[in-house]
Amino acid sequence: MLKAVSFVKDAKKYGKRLALNIAPPIITQCIRKIRQQIVRRSARSTALPHPSEYSTLDGSIEVPCQVEAYLLCRDKYLKPTDAVLDVGFGLGYGLQIMAAKVENLIGIEIDARAVDRGRLLFKGHPRIKKVLLYDGRDIPFEDKTFDVVTCVDIIEHVEDYKGLLLEMARVARRLTFISTPNRRPEYTLTDGRPKNYWHLREWSYEKFDSILQKIPDIQVEWNFLNGPWDGPFDCTPVVSENTLALIPALTLDSSQGWQDDNLCAE
């Protein structure tokens, strides 16, 4: 009986040593691995994708100022016989707005999901001839293919915005119509970046105008869309503190090309 009691005491004593000397490192390893997995999963779930991965189909909405910009372009600048290219057609409502007046429209887009949706949406459309996927660099058409090129709320997403300007000018015969957000304090972080994560930049009128004026042989007609995000809007030829969107219409000299060297730095 005494031997049995002694054995139990020894077992408890040595058991404690085993628990202290062996178990803690194993448990610590397990805990460390679990913590690492949690951190990795948390990082994956909270890390934002690069702005280049933006898709118009993620939480897709019809943006009021974009609609207004397309209406302005249609009513002020387009002719029924124009051939029009819409760069970055997104959800396609810009093409639909312009199709109310224009007989020959094509859209291009870097977002494969948007292109797939557009092909279904516009299949057999008598005026929207086709929508194409492109690489975001080289517009897949010959020089001066289109009377008008439109680019609404796209250029602020593009890293090589100079290249985009050059490509649009190359394929346009008469006009390039651009709309981009005005840089406003309430939409800008303290470090100067736009609050909209997907925007690589937003220009003030003065800055964007200085870029466009460096391009030779073009005339810039300025339009300014004023009002709150959801409207109502008014369009004026003069910028104001209420300007939401900068809308230059670039008339191109058909005899001259754009010079990349003349584009000013950002």
Protein backbone atom coordinates (compact mmCIF):
# COMPACT_ATOMS: atom_id res chain seq x y z
CA MET A 1 0.00 0.00 0.00
CA LEU A 2 2.79 2.39 0.90
CA LYS A 3 4.58 1.46 -2.34
CA ALA A 4 1.43 2.22 -4.33
CA VAL A 5 1.07 5.64 -2.69
CA SER A 6 4.74 6.37 -3.33
CA PHE A 7 4.34 5.40 -7.01
CA VAL A 8 1.38 7.72 -7.43
CA LYS A 9 3.32 10.61 -5.84
CA ASP A 10 6.31 9.91 -8.08
CA ALA A 11 4.06 9.72 -11.14
CA LYS A 12 2.51 13.10 -10.31
CA LYS A 13 5.94 14.60 -9.69
CA TYR A 14 7.44 13.29 -12.92
CA GLY A 15 4.25 13.97 -14.77
CA LYS A 16 4.53 17.62 -13.81
CA ARG A 17 8.12 17.64 -15.04
CA LEU A 18 7.00 16.08 -18.34
CA ALA A 19 4.25 18.66 -18.66
CA LEU A 20 6.65 21.50 -17.93
CA ASN A 21 9.64 20.22 -19.89
CA ILE A 22 8.01 18.66 -22.96
CA ALA A 23 4.48 19.93 -23.48
CA PRO A 24 5.07 23.71 -23.43
CA PRO A 25 7.40 23.79 -26.50
CA ILE A 26 4.96 21.66 -28.49
CA ILE A 27 2.02 23.80 -27.46
CA THR A 28 3.99 26.96 -28.19
CA GLN A 29 4.78 25.68 -31.68
CA CYS A 30 1.15 24.92 -32.33
CA ILE A 31 0.04 28.31 -31.04
CA ARG A 32 2.67 30.02 -33.17
CA LYS A 33 1.48 28.20 -36.28
CA ILE A 34 -2.14 28.99 -35.55
CA ARG A 35 -1.31 32.66 -35.03
CA GLN A 36 0.62 32.77 -38.32
CA GLN A 37 -2.33 31.25 -40.16
CA ILE A 38 -4.69 33.75 -38.60
CA VAL A 39 -2.43 36.65 -39.58
CA ARG A 40 -2.14 35.36 -43.16
CA ARG A 41 -5.88 34.90 -43.51
CA SER A 42 -6.53 38.30 -41.99
CA ALA A 43 -4.06 39.94 -44.37
CA ARG A 44 -5.69 38.24 -47.34
CA SER A 45 -9.14 39.35 -46.27
CA THR A 46 -8.20 42.96 -45.50
CA ALA A 47 -5.56 43.72 -48.14
CA LEU A 48 -6.93 45.89 -50.94
CA PRO A 49 -6.20 44.86 -54.52
CA HIS A 50 -4.17 47.13 -56.77
CA PRO A 51 -6.28 49.86 -58.42
CA SER A 52 -5.54 48.23 -61.79
CA GLU A 53 -7.74 45.32 -60.67
CA TYR A 54 -10.80 47.56 -60.50
CA SER A 55 -13.93 46.15 -62.15
CA THR A 56 -17.04 48.16 -62.90
CA LEU A 57 -19.07 45.04 -62.13
CA ASP A 58 -18.03 45.05 -58.45
CA GLY A 59 -20.86 46.91 -56.77
CA SER A 60 -21.87 48.29 -60.14
CA ILE A 61 -23.92 51.49 -60.13
CA GLU A 62 -24.92 54.10 -62.66
CA VAL A 63 -22.93 57.21 -61.74
CA PRO A 64 -25.00 60.41 -62.20
CA CYS A 65 -22.16 62.68 -63.32
CA GLN A 66 -21.06 60.10 -65.91
CA VAL A 67 -24.58 59.99 -67.33
CA GLU A 68 -24.57 63.79 -67.48
CA ALA A 69 -21.19 63.82 -69.25
CA TYR A 70 -22.40 61.40 -71.93
CA LEU A 71 -25.56 63.47 -72.42
CA LEU A 72 -23.41 66.58 -72.86
CA CYS A 73 -21.21 64.83 -75.40
CA ARG A 74 -24.20 63.49 -77.34
CA ASP A 75 -26.14 66.74 -77.44
CA LYS A 76 -23.26 69.16 -77.98
CA TYR A 77 -20.62 67.35 -80.01
CA LEU A 78 -21.98 64.30 -81.85
CA LYS A 79 -23.45 64.05 -85.32
CA PRO A 80 -25.73 61.17 -86.38
CA THR A 81 -23.21 60.01 -89.00
CA ASP A 82 -20.22 60.00 -86.63
CA ALA A 83 -18.18 56.90 -85.96
CA VAL A 84 -17.59 56.92 -82.19
CA LEU A 85 -15.23 54.95 -79.96
CA ASP A 86 -15.97 54.79 -76.23
CA VAL A 87 -12.81 53.98 -74.27
CA GLY A 88 -13.61 52.14 -71.04
CA PHE A 89 -17.34 51.61 -71.68
CA GLY A 90 -17.87 49.82 -68.33
CA LEU A 91 -21.55 49.06 -67.77
CA GLY A 92 -22.38 50.33 -71.24
CA TYR A 93 -24.88 53.05 -70.41
CA GLY A 94 -22.69 55.63 -72.14
CA LEU A 95 -22.91 53.66 -75.36
CA GLN A 96 -26.67 53.44 -74.96
CA ILE A 97 -26.99 57.19 -74.38
CA MET A 98 -24.95 58.03 -77.48
CA ALA A 99 -26.78 55.39 -79.55
CA ALA A 100 -29.92 57.50 -79.28
CA LYS A 101 -28.24 59.83 -81.80
CA VAL A 102 -25.27 58.06 -83.40
CA GLU A 103 -25.45 55.14 -85.82
CA ASN A 104 -21.97 53.66 -85.47
CA LEU A 105 -20.51 53.00 -82.01
CA ILE A 106 -17.77 50.69 -80.73
CA GLY A 107 -16.66 50.21 -77.13
CA ILE A 108 -13.33 48.97 -75.77
CA GLU A 109 -12.56 47.90 -72.23
CA ILE A 110 -9.76 46.23 -70.24
CA ASP A 111 -12.23 44.51 -67.90
CA ALA A 112 -12.95 41.05 -69.37
CA ARG A 113 -16.07 40.63 -67.24
CA ALA A 114 -17.49 43.92 -68.52
CA VAL A 115 -16.75 42.89 -72.10
CA ASP A 116 -18.53 39.55 -71.64
CA ARG A 117 -21.53 41.34 -70.19
CA GLY A 118 -21.46 43.95 -72.97
CA ARG A 119 -21.41 41.31 -75.70
CA LEU A 120 -24.57 39.79 -74.27
CA LEU A 121 -26.22 43.15 -73.68
CA PHE A 122 -25.53 44.58 -77.13
CA LYS A 123 -25.82 41.43 -79.24
CA GLY A 124 -27.67 42.38 -82.41
CA HIS A 125 -27.82 46.08 -81.49
CA PRO A 126 -28.19 48.02 -84.75
CA ARG A 127 -25.97 50.92 -83.64
CA ILE A 128 -23.55 49.51 -81.08
CA LYS A 129 -21.56 47.42 -83.53
CA LYS A 130 -19.24 45.64 -81.11
CA VAL A 131 -17.40 45.78 -77.81
CA LEU A 132 -13.80 44.64 -77.55
CA LEU A 133 -11.28 43.66 -74.91
CA TYR A 134 -8.01 45.54 -75.19
CA ASP A 135 -4.74 45.67 -73.28
CA GLY A 136 -5.10 49.20 -71.90
CA ARG A 137 -2.15 50.45 -73.92
CA ASP A 138 -2.62 50.08 -77.68
CA ILE A 139 -6.05 50.95 -79.05
CA PRO A 140 -6.59 48.25 -81.73
CA PHE A 141 -7.55 50.54 -84.61
CA GLU A 142 -5.78 52.40 -87.40
CA ASP A 143 -5.00 56.11 -87.21
CA LYS A 144 -8.00 58.43 -87.52
CA THR A 145 -10.56 55.62 -87.58
CA PHE A 146 -13.18 57.51 -85.53
CA ASP A 147 -14.73 60.94 -85.77
CA VAL A 148 -15.03 61.14 -81.98
CA VAL A 149 -13.38 59.28 -79.11
CA THR A 150 -14.99 59.44 -75.68
CA CYS A 151 -13.34 58.67 -72.35
CA VAL A 152 -15.55 59.26 -69.31
CA ASP A 153 -14.11 58.77 -65.81
CA ILE A 154 -11.29 56.53 -67.02
CA ILE A 155 -8.09 58.55 -67.18
CA GLU A 156 -7.87 58.91 -63.38
CA HIS A 157 -7.55 55.11 -63.16
CA VAL A 158 -4.72 54.84 -65.72
CA GLU A 159 -1.04 54.74 -64.74
CA ASP A 160 0.20 55.79 -68.18
CA TYR A 161 -2.30 58.57 -68.77
CA LYS A 162 0.05 60.20 -71.28
CA GLY A 163 0.00 57.06 -73.40
CA LEU A 164 -3.79 56.99 -73.24
CA LEU A 165 -4.03 60.61 -74.40
CA LEU A 166 -1.70 59.86 -77.31
CA GLU A 167 -3.61 56.75 -78.35
CA MET A 168 -6.98 58.48 -78.27
CA ALA A 169 -5.61 61.34 -80.34
CA ARG A 170 -4.13 58.90 -82.82
CA VAL A 171 -7.43 57.19 -83.64
CA ALA A 172 -9.60 60.38 -83.54
CA ARG A 173 -10.31 62.43 -86.64
CA ARG A 174 -12.16 65.36 -85.12
CA LEU A 175 -12.63 65.29 -81.36
CA THR A 176 -11.58 63.60 -78.14
CA PHE A 177 -14.07 64.06 -75.31
CA ILE A 178 -12.78 63.49 -71.76
CA SER A 179 -14.45 63.67 -68.36
CA THR A 180 -12.56 63.26 -65.09
CA PRO A 181 -13.24 64.20 -61.45
CA ASN A 182 -12.24 67.63 -60.27
CA ARG A 183 -9.80 67.56 -57.36
CA ARG A 184 -11.85 68.82 -54.42
CA PRO A 185 -10.78 69.10 -50.74
CA GLU A 186 -13.62 66.93 -49.45
CA TYR A 187 -12.55 64.09 -51.75
CA THR A 188 -8.81 64.38 -51.00
CA LEU A 189 -6.79 62.83 -48.16
CA THR A 190 -4.37 64.91 -46.10
CA ASP A 191 -1.42 63.34 -47.96
CA GLY A 192 -2.85 64.49 -51.30
CA ARG A 193 -4.17 61.15 -52.50
CA PRO A 194 -7.79 60.83 -53.62
CA LYS A 195 -10.17 59.36 -51.05
CA ASN A 196 -11.44 57.11 -53.80
CA TYR A 197 -8.98 54.22 -53.53
CA TRP A 198 -9.43 53.28 -57.20
CA HIS A 199 -8.30 56.69 -58.45
CA LEU A 200 -4.56 56.97 -58.99
CA ARG A 201 -4.88 60.73 -59.19
CA GLU A 202 -7.37 63.57 -59.46
CA TRP A 203 -6.40 66.83 -61.13
CA SER A 204 -7.40 70.38 -60.49
CA TYR A 205 -8.54 72.34 -63.53
CA GLU A 206 -5.25 74.27 -63.56
CA LYS A 207 -3.14 71.13 -63.49
CA PHE A 208 -5.10 69.23 -66.11
CA ASP A 209 -5.24 72.27 -68.36
CA SER A 210 -1.46 72.65 -68.11
CA ILE A 211 -1.08 69.05 -69.31
CA LEU A 212 -3.42 69.50 -72.25
CA GLN A 213 -1.95 72.86 -73.28
CA LYS A 214 1.45 71.23 -73.71
CA ILE A 215 0.04 69.14 -76.53
CA PRO A 216 0.65 70.89 -79.86
CA ASP A 217 -1.97 71.57 -82.51
CA ILE A 218 -5.11 71.11 -80.46
CA GLN A 219 -7.83 73.41 -79.26
CA VAL A 220 -9.34 72.78 -75.82
CA GLU A 221 -12.94 73.71 -75.18
CA TRP A 222 -13.65 73.46 -71.47
CA ASN A 223 -16.88 72.34 -69.89
CA PHE A 224 -17.39 72.13 -66.13
CA LEU A 225 -20.04 69.99 -64.51
CA ASN A 226 -21.17 71.57 -61.25
CA GLY A 227 -23.22 70.15 -58.41
CA PRO A 228 -23.28 67.40 -55.75
CA TRP A 229 -22.41 63.78 -56.52
CA ASP A 230 -26.01 62.76 -57.19
CA GLY A 231 -27.02 65.99 -58.96
CA PRO A 232 -28.72 68.06 -60.09
CA PHE A 233 -26.00 69.48 -62.34
CA ASP A 234 -25.38 72.53 -64.40
CA CYS A 235 -22.70 72.84 -67.04
CA THR A 236 -20.66 76.03 -67.42
CA PRO A 237 -17.58 77.18 -69.39
CA VAL A 238 -15.98 78.48 -66.18
CA VAL A 239 -14.71 76.41 -63.24
CA SER A 240 -16.23 77.07 -59.82
CA GLU A 241 -15.95 75.81 -56.24
CA ASN A 242 -18.89 73.51 -56.99
CA THR A 243 -17.27 71.89 -60.04
CA LEU A 244 -17.50 68.12 -59.77
CA ALA A 245 -16.13 67.06 -63.16
CA LEU A 246 -13.62 68.53 -65.60
CA ILE A 247 -14.74 67.98 -69.21
CA PRO A 248 -12.34 69.12 -71.94
CA ALA A 249 -13.25 68.60 -75.58
CA LEU A 250 -10.05 68.37 -77.60
CA THR A 251 -10.31 69.39 -81.23
CA LEU A 252 -7.44 67.81 -83.10
CA ASP A 253 -5.52 69.24 -86.03
CA SER A 254 -5.80 66.54 -88.69
CA SER A 255 -2.39 67.38 -90.12
CA GLN A 256 -0.36 66.98 -86.93
CA GLY A 257 0.31 64.21 -84.46
CA TRP A 258 0.83 64.59 -80.73
CA GLN A 259 4.35 64.69 -79.38
CA ASP A 260 4.98 62.63 -76.25
CA ASP A 261 7.94 64.83 -75.38
CA ASN A 262 5.61 67.82 -75.12
CA LEU A 263 3.42 66.24 -72.47
CA CYS A 264 4.31 67.80 -69.17
CA ALA A 265 5.16 65.70 -66.14
CA GLU A 266 2.40 64.84 -63.71
